[in-house]
Amino acid sequence: MNALVRPRQGRMIAGVCAGLARRFGITPLTARIIAIVLVLVGGLSAWAYVLLWIVIPNEK
């Protein structure tokens, strides 16, 4: 598995979903859809996204 980093290419906002997608071997679109659904049903808040944005390092 790849290391969890926010890639410089393929970002939409901060690269969190792209980084998670790369790490878990799914497409970035799938990761973004999952994130949106989780936000809408209340399982994941926008705060979690911001926290991951801060915690996950940029790709070198």
Protein backbone atom coordinates (compact mmCIF):
# COMPACT_ATOMS: atom_id res chain seq x y z
CA MET A 1 0.00 0.00 0.00
CA ASN A 2 1.05 3.57 -0.62
CA ALA A 3 1.85 6.00 2.15
CA LEU A 4 -0.93 8.37 3.14
CA VAL A 5 -0.03 11.73 1.61
CA ARG A 6 -1.97 14.45 -0.20
CA PRO A 7 -0.84 14.31 -3.85
CA ARG A 8 0.06 17.44 -5.76
CA GLN A 9 -1.72 16.20 -8.92
CA GLY A 10 -5.43 15.36 -9.07
CA ARG A 11 -6.58 17.53 -6.18
CA MET A 12 -10.01 19.14 -6.04
CA ILE A 13 -9.78 21.14 -2.81
CA ALA A 14 -7.02 19.95 -0.51
CA GLY A 15 -6.20 16.50 -1.87
CA VAL A 16 -7.61 14.61 1.11
CA CYS A 17 -9.91 12.36 -0.92
CA ALA A 18 -7.26 11.85 -3.61
CA GLY A 19 -4.75 10.81 -0.94
CA LEU A 20 -7.20 8.45 0.75
CA ALA A 21 -8.15 6.98 -2.63
CA ARG A 22 -4.53 6.34 -3.54
CA ARG A 23 -3.86 4.80 -0.11
CA PHE A 24 -6.81 2.39 -0.27
CA GLY A 25 -6.66 1.61 -4.00
CA ILE A 26 -9.92 3.19 -5.13
CA THR A 27 -10.62 5.98 -7.57
CA PRO A 28 -10.65 9.57 -6.31
CA LEU A 29 -14.23 9.94 -7.58
CA THR A 30 -15.33 7.02 -5.43
CA ALA A 31 -13.59 8.51 -2.39
CA ARG A 32 -15.26 11.88 -3.01
CA ILE A 33 -18.71 10.30 -3.36
CA ILE A 34 -18.20 8.34 -0.14
CA ALA A 35 -17.09 11.51 1.67
CA ILE A 36 -20.11 13.48 0.43
CA VAL A 37 -22.52 10.71 1.43
CA LEU A 38 -20.93 10.48 4.89
CA VAL A 39 -21.23 14.24 5.36
CA LEU A 40 -24.88 14.20 4.29
CA VAL A 41 -25.88 11.33 6.60
CA GLY A 42 -23.93 12.77 9.50
CA GLY A 43 -21.32 10.03 9.88
CA LEU A 44 -18.47 12.34 8.94
CA SER A 45 -18.43 16.02 9.61
CA ALA A 46 -16.67 18.73 7.67
CA TRP A 47 -14.41 19.06 10.74
CA ALA A 48 -13.02 15.59 10.01
CA TYR A 49 -12.07 16.71 6.49
CA VAL A 50 -10.35 19.82 7.85
CA LEU A 51 -8.53 17.73 10.46
CA LEU A 52 -7.30 15.32 7.77
CA TRP A 53 -6.24 18.32 5.66
CA ILE A 54 -4.05 19.46 8.54
CA VAL A 55 -2.74 16.03 9.60
CA ILE A 56 -1.99 14.36 6.24
CA PRO A 57 1.28 15.72 4.80
CA ASN A 58 1.72 16.97 1.24
CA GLU A 59 3.48 14.74 -1.25
CA LYS A 60 7.13 15.69 -1.69
